[in-house]
């Protein structure tokens, strides 16, 4: 099993080793891919931010990562049900339902979400789903129809339109570019 060493309070004698499970390894690999990606700076920055938020939430959930209580951390904690829904489900969810999951009014939820991520909930959710489609385009040969269905797009045409809008290439071109030589 792979382990990561977490040093608490900068003292090596307090270092602990935590097993890295498949979920964390996947997040770390995605972050590495993003940092080595030649895509647009804006998109790469947004995807990196998404992945880092996932890592923070993952480590916080394990209890292996304690963060000082700040307004930002408190806000992330209040938004956690929405993040977890996005990360664990390929279904599309609207801001109203996400606000309800977080037990917040729509206006308060929207305000906190933009403050925490810099993006509206809808844009964050769309970019996340598109990043997962991009990951799947690299790793498997599922049809665009299947990917559109799996990731909550109304049809293949909708997926292609949104993907091209975000990545400046069609999903097929993206897949061809990222296929192993």
N, C-alpha and C. Protein backbone atom coordinates (compact mmCIF):
# COMPACT_ATOMS: atom_id res chain seq x y z
N UNK A 1 0.84 -1.18 0.00
CA UNK A 1 0.00 0.00 0.00
C UNK A 1 0.89 1.24 0.00
N UNK A 2 0.45 2.27 -0.67
CA UNK A 2 1.18 3.53 -0.73
C UNK A 2 0.82 4.37 0.48
N UNK A 3 1.79 5.11 1.01
CA UNK A 3 1.54 5.95 2.17
C UNK A 3 1.99 7.38 1.90
N UNK A 4 1.34 8.30 2.58
CA UNK A 4 1.76 9.70 2.55
C UNK A 4 2.11 10.07 3.98
N UNK A 5 3.19 10.82 4.14
CA UNK A 5 3.58 11.24 5.47
C UNK A 5 3.04 12.63 5.72
N UNK A 6 2.38 12.78 6.84
CA UNK A 6 1.79 14.06 7.24
C UNK A 6 2.54 14.52 8.48
N UNK A 7 3.22 15.63 8.40
CA UNK A 7 3.99 16.13 9.53
C UNK A 7 3.16 17.18 10.25
N UNK A 8 2.93 16.92 11.51
CA UNK A 8 2.11 17.80 12.33
C UNK A 8 3.03 18.72 13.13
N UNK A 9 2.75 20.00 13.12
CA UNK A 9 3.49 21.01 13.87
C UNK A 9 4.97 21.02 13.52
N UNK A 10 5.35 20.67 12.32
CA UNK A 10 6.73 20.71 11.83
C UNK A 10 7.71 19.93 12.70
N UNK A 11 7.27 18.93 13.38
CA UNK A 11 8.18 18.11 14.19
C UNK A 11 8.17 16.70 13.64
N UNK A 12 9.32 16.26 13.18
CA UNK A 12 9.39 14.94 12.56
C UNK A 12 8.97 13.82 13.50
N UNK A 13 9.20 14.00 14.81
CA UNK A 13 8.81 12.93 15.73
C UNK A 13 7.29 12.74 15.77
N UNK A 14 6.55 13.75 15.30
CA UNK A 14 5.09 13.64 15.27
C UNK A 14 4.57 13.23 13.90
N UNK A 15 5.47 12.87 13.01
CA UNK A 15 5.04 12.50 11.67
C UNK A 15 4.18 11.24 11.74
N UNK A 16 3.12 11.24 10.96
CA UNK A 16 2.25 10.08 10.89
C UNK A 16 2.16 9.66 9.44
N UNK A 17 1.99 8.38 9.24
CA UNK A 17 1.79 7.89 7.88
C UNK A 17 0.34 7.51 7.71
N UNK A 18 -0.25 7.97 6.62
CA UNK A 18 -1.63 7.67 6.31
C UNK A 18 -1.67 6.93 4.99
N UNK A 19 -2.43 5.85 4.94
CA UNK A 19 -2.53 5.14 3.65
C UNK A 19 -3.24 6.02 2.62
N UNK A 20 -2.76 5.94 1.41
CA UNK A 20 -3.40 6.67 0.31
C UNK A 20 -4.33 5.68 -0.37
N UNK A 21 -5.60 5.97 -0.32
CA UNK A 21 -6.53 5.06 -0.98
C UNK A 21 -6.69 5.46 -2.44
N UNK A 22 -7.49 4.72 -3.14
CA UNK A 22 -7.67 4.94 -4.58
C UNK A 22 -8.24 6.32 -4.89
N UNK A 23 -9.18 6.79 -4.04
CA UNK A 23 -9.79 8.11 -4.27
C UNK A 23 -8.74 9.21 -4.20
N UNK A 24 -7.87 9.16 -3.18
CA UNK A 24 -6.84 10.19 -3.04
C UNK A 24 -5.82 10.09 -4.17
N UNK A 25 -5.43 8.87 -4.52
CA UNK A 25 -4.47 8.68 -5.61
C UNK A 25 -5.02 9.26 -6.91
N UNK A 26 -6.32 9.06 -7.15
CA UNK A 26 -6.97 9.60 -8.35
C UNK A 26 -6.93 11.14 -8.33
N UNK A 27 -7.21 11.73 -7.16
CA UNK A 27 -7.18 13.19 -7.05
C UNK A 27 -5.76 13.72 -7.29
N UNK A 28 -4.77 13.06 -6.70
CA UNK A 28 -3.38 13.49 -6.87
C UNK A 28 -2.95 13.37 -8.33
N UNK A 29 -3.37 12.29 -8.99
CA UNK A 29 -3.03 12.10 -10.40
C UNK A 29 -3.68 13.19 -11.26
N UNK A 30 -4.94 13.51 -10.94
CA UNK A 30 -5.64 14.55 -11.70
C UNK A 30 -4.96 15.90 -11.52
N UNK A 31 -4.52 16.19 -10.29
CA UNK A 31 -3.82 17.44 -10.03
C UNK A 31 -2.51 17.49 -10.80
N UNK A 32 -1.79 16.39 -10.81
CA UNK A 32 -0.54 16.32 -11.57
C UNK A 32 -0.79 16.54 -13.06
N UNK A 33 -1.83 15.90 -13.59
CA UNK A 33 -2.18 16.09 -15.00
C UNK A 33 -2.49 17.56 -15.29
N UNK A 34 -3.22 18.19 -14.39
CA UNK A 34 -3.59 19.59 -14.59
C UNK A 34 -2.36 20.49 -14.60
N UNK A 35 -1.44 20.22 -13.70
CA UNK A 35 -0.25 21.06 -13.61
C UNK A 35 0.66 20.88 -14.82
N UNK A 36 0.55 19.73 -15.49
CA UNK A 36 1.36 19.47 -16.67
C UNK A 36 0.60 19.65 -17.98
N UNK A 37 -0.62 20.19 -17.89
CA UNK A 37 -1.50 20.34 -19.04
C UNK A 37 -1.13 21.58 -19.85
N UNK A 38 -1.30 21.49 -21.15
CA UNK A 38 -1.03 22.63 -22.02
C UNK A 38 -2.27 23.43 -22.34
N UNK A 39 -3.40 23.16 -21.66
CA UNK A 39 -4.65 23.84 -21.94
C UNK A 39 -4.61 25.32 -21.58
N UNK A 40 -5.75 25.96 -21.76
CA UNK A 40 -5.83 27.39 -21.47
C UNK A 40 -5.58 27.64 -19.99
N UNK A 41 -4.93 28.74 -19.70
CA UNK A 41 -4.57 29.08 -18.33
C UNK A 41 -5.81 29.21 -17.44
N UNK A 42 -6.84 29.87 -17.94
CA UNK A 42 -8.06 30.09 -17.15
C UNK A 42 -8.72 28.76 -16.78
N UNK A 43 -8.84 27.89 -17.75
CA UNK A 43 -9.47 26.60 -17.51
C UNK A 43 -8.61 25.77 -16.57
N UNK A 44 -7.31 25.73 -16.81
CA UNK A 44 -6.41 24.95 -15.95
C UNK A 44 -6.46 25.46 -14.51
N UNK A 45 -6.51 26.78 -14.34
CA UNK A 45 -6.59 27.36 -12.99
C UNK A 45 -7.88 26.94 -12.31
N UNK A 46 -8.99 26.99 -13.04
CA UNK A 46 -10.28 26.60 -12.45
C UNK A 46 -10.29 25.12 -12.09
N UNK A 47 -9.76 24.27 -12.97
CA UNK A 47 -9.74 22.84 -12.70
C UNK A 47 -8.80 22.51 -11.54
N UNK A 48 -7.69 23.22 -11.45
CA UNK A 48 -6.76 23.02 -10.35
C UNK A 48 -7.43 23.41 -9.04
N UNK A 49 -8.15 24.52 -9.05
CA UNK A 49 -8.87 24.95 -7.86
C UNK A 49 -9.90 23.90 -7.44
N UNK A 50 -10.63 23.36 -8.39
CA UNK A 50 -11.61 22.31 -8.09
C UNK A 50 -10.95 21.10 -7.45
N UNK A 51 -9.84 20.68 -8.03
CA UNK A 51 -9.15 19.50 -7.53
C UNK A 51 -8.58 19.74 -6.15
N UNK A 52 -8.02 20.92 -5.91
CA UNK A 52 -7.49 21.24 -4.59
C UNK A 52 -8.61 21.27 -3.55
N UNK A 53 -9.76 21.81 -3.91
CA UNK A 53 -10.90 21.79 -2.99
C UNK A 53 -11.31 20.35 -2.68
N UNK A 54 -11.30 19.50 -3.68
CA UNK A 54 -11.62 18.09 -3.46
C UNK A 54 -10.64 17.45 -2.49
N UNK A 55 -9.35 17.75 -2.67
CA UNK A 55 -8.33 17.18 -1.80
C UNK A 55 -8.51 17.66 -0.37
N UNK A 56 -8.77 18.95 -0.19
CA UNK A 56 -8.99 19.50 1.15
C UNK A 56 -10.20 18.83 1.80
N UNK A 57 -11.29 18.72 1.07
CA UNK A 57 -12.49 18.09 1.62
C UNK A 57 -12.24 16.61 1.93
N UNK A 58 -11.52 15.94 1.06
CA UNK A 58 -11.21 14.53 1.28
C UNK A 58 -10.38 14.35 2.55
N UNK A 59 -9.32 15.13 2.69
CA UNK A 59 -8.44 15.00 3.86
C UNK A 59 -9.17 15.41 5.14
N UNK A 60 -10.00 16.43 5.04
CA UNK A 60 -10.77 16.86 6.21
C UNK A 60 -11.74 15.75 6.63
N UNK A 61 -12.35 15.08 5.65
CA UNK A 61 -13.28 14.00 5.93
C UNK A 61 -12.57 12.84 6.64
N UNK A 62 -11.30 12.58 6.27
CA UNK A 62 -10.54 11.52 6.93
C UNK A 62 -10.13 11.89 8.35
N UNK A 63 -10.15 13.20 8.62
CA UNK A 63 -9.71 13.64 9.94
C UNK A 63 -8.20 13.75 10.03
N UNK A 64 -7.51 13.59 8.91
CA UNK A 64 -6.04 13.65 8.91
C UNK A 64 -5.53 15.04 8.59
N UNK A 65 -6.43 15.95 8.39
CA UNK A 65 -6.03 17.29 7.97
C UNK A 65 -6.87 18.27 8.74
N UNK A 66 -6.29 18.89 9.73
CA UNK A 66 -7.01 19.87 10.53
C UNK A 66 -6.64 21.25 10.04
N UNK A 67 -7.63 22.03 9.77
CA UNK A 67 -7.43 23.38 9.27
C UNK A 67 -7.92 24.35 10.32
N UNK A 68 -7.18 25.43 10.52
CA UNK A 68 -7.61 26.44 11.49
C UNK A 68 -9.02 26.90 11.10
N UNK A 69 -9.85 27.13 12.10
CA UNK A 69 -11.21 27.58 11.83
C UNK A 69 -11.18 29.02 11.33
N UNK A 70 -11.39 29.19 10.08
CA UNK A 70 -11.48 30.51 9.49
C UNK A 70 -12.83 30.61 8.83
N UNK A 71 -13.19 31.81 8.44
CA UNK A 71 -14.47 31.98 7.76
C UNK A 71 -14.52 31.12 6.50
N UNK A 72 -13.41 31.04 5.77
CA UNK A 72 -13.38 30.26 4.53
C UNK A 72 -13.63 28.78 4.81
N UNK A 73 -12.99 28.25 5.84
CA UNK A 73 -13.16 26.84 6.17
C UNK A 73 -14.60 26.59 6.65
N UNK A 74 -15.12 27.51 7.44
CA UNK A 74 -16.50 27.38 7.90
C UNK A 74 -17.46 27.39 6.71
N UNK A 75 -17.23 28.30 5.76
CA UNK A 75 -18.06 28.36 4.56
C UNK A 75 -17.96 27.06 3.76
N UNK A 76 -16.73 26.54 3.61
CA UNK A 76 -16.57 25.27 2.89
C UNK A 76 -17.31 24.15 3.61
N UNK A 77 -17.25 24.16 4.93
CA UNK A 77 -17.98 23.16 5.70
C UNK A 77 -19.48 23.23 5.48
N UNK A 78 -20.00 24.45 5.41
CA UNK A 78 -21.44 24.62 5.18
C UNK A 78 -21.83 24.19 3.77
N UNK A 79 -20.89 24.32 2.85
CA UNK A 79 -21.15 23.96 1.45
C UNK A 79 -20.82 22.50 1.15
N UNK A 80 -20.26 21.82 2.11
CA UNK A 80 -19.79 20.45 1.92
C UNK A 80 -20.82 19.52 1.29
N UNK A 81 -22.09 19.54 1.73
CA UNK A 81 -23.06 18.63 1.10
C UNK A 81 -23.18 18.85 -0.42
N UNK A 82 -23.08 20.11 -0.85
CA UNK A 82 -23.17 20.39 -2.29
C UNK A 82 -21.93 19.87 -3.01
N UNK A 83 -20.74 20.11 -2.43
CA UNK A 83 -19.51 19.60 -3.05
C UNK A 83 -19.55 18.08 -3.12
N UNK A 84 -19.95 17.46 -2.04
CA UNK A 84 -19.98 16.00 -2.03
C UNK A 84 -20.97 15.45 -3.06
N UNK A 85 -22.10 16.11 -3.24
CA UNK A 85 -23.04 15.66 -4.26
C UNK A 85 -22.39 15.77 -5.64
N UNK A 86 -21.76 16.90 -5.91
CA UNK A 86 -21.11 17.09 -7.22
C UNK A 86 -20.06 16.02 -7.45
N UNK A 87 -19.21 15.79 -6.44
CA UNK A 87 -18.08 14.88 -6.61
C UNK A 87 -18.48 13.41 -6.62
N UNK A 88 -19.60 13.07 -6.02
CA UNK A 88 -19.98 11.66 -5.91
C UNK A 88 -21.06 11.24 -6.89
N UNK A 89 -21.63 12.19 -7.58
CA UNK A 89 -22.73 11.85 -8.48
C UNK A 89 -22.47 12.47 -9.85
N UNK A 90 -22.84 11.74 -10.85
CA UNK A 90 -22.72 12.29 -12.19
C UNK A 90 -23.99 13.02 -12.60
N UNK A 91 -24.99 13.00 -11.72
CA UNK A 91 -26.25 13.70 -12.01
C UNK A 91 -26.04 15.21 -11.98
N UNK A 92 -26.84 15.89 -12.76
CA UNK A 92 -26.82 17.35 -12.74
C UNK A 92 -27.75 17.80 -11.62
N UNK A 93 -27.33 18.80 -10.88
CA UNK A 93 -28.15 19.33 -9.79
C UNK A 93 -28.17 20.85 -9.94
N UNK A 94 -29.31 21.43 -9.69
CA UNK A 94 -29.43 22.88 -9.79
C UNK A 94 -29.08 23.56 -8.48
N UNK A 95 -28.84 24.86 -8.53
CA UNK A 95 -28.48 25.60 -7.31
C UNK A 95 -29.56 25.54 -6.22
N UNK A 96 -30.82 25.48 -6.62
CA UNK A 96 -31.90 25.41 -5.64
C UNK A 96 -31.79 24.13 -4.81
N UNK A 97 -31.59 23.00 -5.49
CA UNK A 97 -31.45 21.72 -4.79
C UNK A 97 -30.17 21.68 -3.96
N UNK A 98 -29.09 22.25 -4.48
CA UNK A 98 -27.84 22.29 -3.73
C UNK A 98 -28.01 23.13 -2.46
N UNK A 99 -28.69 24.26 -2.56
CA UNK A 99 -28.94 25.11 -1.40
C UNK A 99 -29.75 24.34 -0.36
N UNK A 100 -30.73 23.58 -0.83
CA UNK A 100 -31.56 22.78 0.07
C UNK A 100 -30.72 21.71 0.78
N UNK A 101 -29.80 21.08 0.04
CA UNK A 101 -28.91 20.08 0.64
C UNK A 101 -28.07 20.69 1.78
N UNK A 102 -27.69 21.95 1.58
CA UNK A 102 -26.84 22.65 2.56
C UNK A 102 -27.64 23.34 3.64
N UNK A 103 -28.97 23.24 3.54
CA UNK A 103 -29.87 23.89 4.50
C UNK A 103 -29.65 25.40 4.56
N UNK A 104 -29.49 25.99 3.36
CA UNK A 104 -29.30 27.43 3.23
C UNK A 104 -30.32 27.98 2.25
N UNK A 105 -30.60 29.27 2.37
CA UNK A 105 -31.45 29.90 1.35
C UNK A 105 -30.65 29.95 0.06
N UNK A 106 -31.35 30.07 -1.05
CA UNK A 106 -30.67 30.12 -2.34
C UNK A 106 -29.72 31.31 -2.42
N UNK A 107 -30.15 32.47 -1.93
CA UNK A 107 -29.29 33.66 -2.04
C UNK A 107 -28.05 33.51 -1.15
N UNK A 108 -28.20 32.97 0.07
CA UNK A 108 -27.05 32.79 0.96
C UNK A 108 -26.11 31.73 0.39
N UNK A 109 -26.68 30.63 -0.11
CA UNK A 109 -25.88 29.58 -0.72
C UNK A 109 -25.07 30.13 -1.89
N UNK A 110 -25.73 30.87 -2.78
CA UNK A 110 -25.05 31.43 -3.96
C UNK A 110 -23.92 32.36 -3.54
N UNK A 111 -24.20 33.19 -2.55
CA UNK A 111 -23.19 34.13 -2.06
C UNK A 111 -21.97 33.38 -1.50
N UNK A 112 -22.21 32.38 -0.65
CA UNK A 112 -21.10 31.62 -0.06
C UNK A 112 -20.34 30.83 -1.12
N UNK A 113 -21.07 30.28 -2.08
CA UNK A 113 -20.43 29.45 -3.10
C UNK A 113 -19.49 30.28 -3.96
N UNK A 114 -19.95 31.45 -4.38
CA UNK A 114 -19.10 32.32 -5.20
C UNK A 114 -17.90 32.79 -4.38
N UNK A 115 -18.12 33.09 -3.12
CA UNK A 115 -17.03 33.54 -2.24
C UNK A 115 -15.98 32.43 -2.08
N UNK A 116 -16.43 31.19 -1.95
CA UNK A 116 -15.52 30.07 -1.72
C UNK A 116 -14.80 29.61 -2.98
N UNK A 117 -15.46 29.69 -4.13
CA UNK A 117 -14.88 29.10 -5.35
C UNK A 117 -14.56 30.11 -6.44
N UNK A 118 -15.16 31.28 -6.37
CA UNK A 118 -14.98 32.25 -7.44
C UNK A 118 -15.87 32.00 -8.64
N UNK A 119 -16.72 30.98 -8.54
CA UNK A 119 -17.63 30.61 -9.63
C UNK A 119 -19.03 30.43 -9.09
N UNK A 120 -20.01 30.61 -9.96
CA UNK A 120 -21.38 30.28 -9.56
C UNK A 120 -21.47 28.76 -9.43
N UNK A 121 -22.47 28.29 -8.71
CA UNK A 121 -22.64 26.85 -8.54
C UNK A 121 -22.81 26.15 -9.89
N UNK A 122 -23.62 26.73 -10.75
CA UNK A 122 -23.87 26.11 -12.06
C UNK A 122 -22.60 25.99 -12.89
N UNK A 123 -21.80 27.06 -12.89
CA UNK A 123 -20.56 27.04 -13.67
C UNK A 123 -19.56 26.04 -13.06
N UNK A 124 -19.47 26.03 -11.73
CA UNK A 124 -18.58 25.08 -11.04
C UNK A 124 -18.97 23.65 -11.38
N UNK A 125 -20.26 23.35 -11.27
CA UNK A 125 -20.77 22.02 -11.54
C UNK A 125 -20.50 21.61 -13.00
N UNK A 126 -20.76 22.53 -13.91
CA UNK A 126 -20.52 22.25 -15.33
C UNK A 126 -19.04 21.98 -15.58
N UNK A 127 -18.17 22.83 -15.06
CA UNK A 127 -16.73 22.63 -15.27
C UNK A 127 -16.25 21.32 -14.67
N UNK A 128 -16.79 20.99 -13.50
CA UNK A 128 -16.40 19.73 -12.89
C UNK A 128 -16.83 18.56 -13.78
N UNK A 129 -18.08 18.56 -14.22
CA UNK A 129 -18.56 17.47 -15.07
C UNK A 129 -17.76 17.39 -16.37
N UNK A 130 -17.41 18.55 -16.93
CA UNK A 130 -16.60 18.55 -18.15
C UNK A 130 -15.19 18.01 -17.88
N UNK A 131 -14.64 18.33 -16.71
CA UNK A 131 -13.30 17.81 -16.38
C UNK A 131 -13.34 16.29 -16.23
N UNK A 132 -14.44 15.77 -15.71
CA UNK A 132 -14.59 14.31 -15.59
C UNK A 132 -14.76 13.67 -16.97
N UNK A 133 -15.50 14.33 -17.85
CA UNK A 133 -15.62 13.84 -19.23
C UNK A 133 -14.24 13.82 -19.88
N UNK A 134 -13.47 14.90 -19.70
CA UNK A 134 -12.12 14.96 -20.28
C UNK A 134 -11.26 13.82 -19.75
N UNK A 135 -11.36 13.54 -18.45
CA UNK A 135 -10.60 12.44 -17.85
C UNK A 135 -11.01 11.12 -18.49
N UNK A 136 -12.30 10.93 -18.67
CA UNK A 136 -12.78 9.69 -19.27
C UNK A 136 -12.39 9.58 -20.74
N UNK A 137 -12.33 10.69 -21.44
CA UNK A 137 -11.90 10.66 -22.84
C UNK A 137 -10.46 10.16 -22.95
N UNK A 138 -9.64 10.49 -21.96
CA UNK A 138 -8.25 10.03 -21.95
C UNK A 138 -8.14 8.56 -21.61
N UNK A 139 -9.04 8.08 -20.75
CA UNK A 139 -8.86 6.75 -20.16
C UNK A 139 -9.73 5.64 -20.70
N UNK A 140 -10.74 5.96 -21.50
CA UNK A 140 -11.57 4.88 -22.03
C UNK A 140 -12.11 5.24 -23.40
N UNK A 141 -12.82 4.31 -23.98
CA UNK A 141 -13.32 4.51 -25.34
C UNK A 141 -14.84 4.60 -25.38
N UNK A 142 -15.46 4.98 -24.27
CA UNK A 142 -16.92 5.12 -24.26
C UNK A 142 -17.35 6.12 -25.33
N UNK A 143 -18.51 5.88 -25.90
CA UNK A 143 -19.03 6.78 -26.92
C UNK A 143 -19.42 8.12 -26.29
N UNK A 144 -19.49 9.14 -27.12
CA UNK A 144 -19.91 10.46 -26.63
C UNK A 144 -21.35 10.42 -26.14
N UNK A 145 -22.18 9.62 -26.78
CA UNK A 145 -23.56 9.46 -26.30
C UNK A 145 -23.57 8.90 -24.88
N UNK A 146 -22.75 7.89 -24.63
CA UNK A 146 -22.68 7.29 -23.30
C UNK A 146 -22.14 8.28 -22.28
N UNK A 147 -21.11 9.03 -22.65
CA UNK A 147 -20.55 10.03 -21.73
C UNK A 147 -21.56 11.15 -21.44
N UNK A 148 -22.27 11.57 -22.46
CA UNK A 148 -23.29 12.62 -22.27
C UNK A 148 -24.34 12.13 -21.28
N UNK A 149 -24.78 10.91 -21.46
CA UNK A 149 -25.79 10.34 -20.57
C UNK A 149 -25.24 10.18 -19.15
N UNK A 150 -24.03 9.67 -19.04
CA UNK A 150 -23.42 9.42 -17.72
C UNK A 150 -23.19 10.71 -16.93
N UNK A 151 -22.83 11.79 -17.61
CA UNK A 151 -22.45 13.03 -16.91
C UNK A 151 -23.51 14.12 -16.97
N UNK A 152 -24.75 13.74 -17.24
CA UNK A 152 -25.87 14.66 -17.07
C UNK A 152 -26.06 15.70 -18.17
N UNK A 153 -25.60 15.40 -19.37
CA UNK A 153 -25.86 16.30 -20.50
C UNK A 153 -27.07 15.76 -21.25
N UNK A 154 -27.87 16.66 -21.80
CA UNK A 154 -29.12 16.22 -22.42
C UNK A 154 -28.90 15.28 -23.60
N UNK A 155 -27.81 15.49 -24.34
CA UNK A 155 -27.48 14.61 -25.45
C UNK A 155 -26.04 14.88 -25.89
N UNK A 156 -25.60 14.13 -26.89
CA UNK A 156 -24.23 14.25 -27.39
C UNK A 156 -23.94 15.66 -27.90
N UNK A 157 -24.90 16.24 -28.59
CA UNK A 157 -24.72 17.58 -29.15
C UNK A 157 -24.49 18.63 -28.05
N UNK A 158 -25.25 18.50 -26.97
CA UNK A 158 -25.09 19.42 -25.83
C UNK A 158 -23.71 19.26 -25.21
N UNK A 159 -23.27 18.01 -25.04
CA UNK A 159 -21.93 17.74 -24.50
C UNK A 159 -20.86 18.34 -25.40
N UNK A 160 -20.94 18.10 -26.70
CA UNK A 160 -19.93 18.61 -27.64
C UNK A 160 -19.89 20.13 -27.59
N UNK A 161 -21.05 20.77 -27.58
CA UNK A 161 -21.12 22.24 -27.54
C UNK A 161 -20.45 22.77 -26.28
N UNK A 162 -20.81 22.23 -25.12
CA UNK A 162 -20.24 22.70 -23.85
C UNK A 162 -18.75 22.39 -23.74
N UNK A 163 -18.36 21.21 -24.21
CA UNK A 163 -16.95 20.81 -24.15
C UNK A 163 -16.10 21.75 -25.01
N UNK A 164 -16.57 22.02 -26.22
CA UNK A 164 -15.83 22.90 -27.12
C UNK A 164 -15.75 24.32 -26.56
N UNK A 165 -16.82 24.77 -25.93
CA UNK A 165 -16.87 26.08 -25.31
C UNK A 165 -15.81 26.21 -24.20
N UNK A 166 -15.61 25.13 -23.49
CA UNK A 166 -14.68 25.13 -22.35
C UNK A 166 -13.24 24.81 -22.76
N UNK A 167 -13.04 23.82 -23.62
CA UNK A 167 -11.70 23.34 -23.97
C UNK A 167 -11.19 23.83 -25.33
N UNK A 168 -12.04 24.50 -26.07
CA UNK A 168 -11.68 25.01 -27.41
C UNK A 168 -11.35 23.92 -28.43
N UNK A 169 -11.74 22.69 -28.14
CA UNK A 169 -11.64 21.58 -29.10
C UNK A 169 -12.83 20.67 -28.87
N UNK A 170 -13.16 19.87 -29.86
CA UNK A 170 -14.25 18.91 -29.69
C UNK A 170 -13.77 17.76 -28.82
N UNK A 171 -14.67 17.03 -28.20
CA UNK A 171 -14.26 15.86 -27.41
C UNK A 171 -13.46 14.84 -28.24
N UNK A 172 -13.82 14.66 -29.49
CA UNK A 172 -13.09 13.70 -30.33
C UNK A 172 -11.66 14.15 -30.56
N UNK A 173 -11.48 15.44 -30.83
CA UNK A 173 -10.12 15.97 -31.01
C UNK A 173 -9.32 15.83 -29.71
N UNK A 174 -9.97 16.09 -28.59
CA UNK A 174 -9.32 15.98 -27.29
C UNK A 174 -8.87 14.53 -27.05
N UNK A 175 -9.77 13.58 -27.33
CA UNK A 175 -9.45 12.17 -27.15
C UNK A 175 -8.28 11.76 -28.04
N UNK A 176 -8.32 12.17 -29.31
CA UNK A 176 -7.24 11.82 -30.23
C UNK A 176 -5.91 12.39 -29.79
N UNK A 177 -5.93 13.61 -29.26
CA UNK A 177 -4.69 14.26 -28.82
C UNK A 177 -4.11 13.57 -27.59
N UNK A 178 -4.96 13.00 -26.74
CA UNK A 178 -4.49 12.41 -25.48
C UNK A 178 -4.38 10.88 -25.51
N UNK A 179 -4.54 10.27 -26.66
CA UNK A 179 -4.37 8.84 -26.78
C UNK A 179 -2.88 8.50 -26.71
N UNK A 180 -2.54 7.41 -26.03
CA UNK A 180 -1.13 6.99 -25.98
C UNK A 180 -0.62 6.69 -27.39
N UNK A 181 0.58 7.10 -27.65
CA UNK A 181 1.17 6.89 -28.98
C UNK A 181 1.66 5.48 -29.16
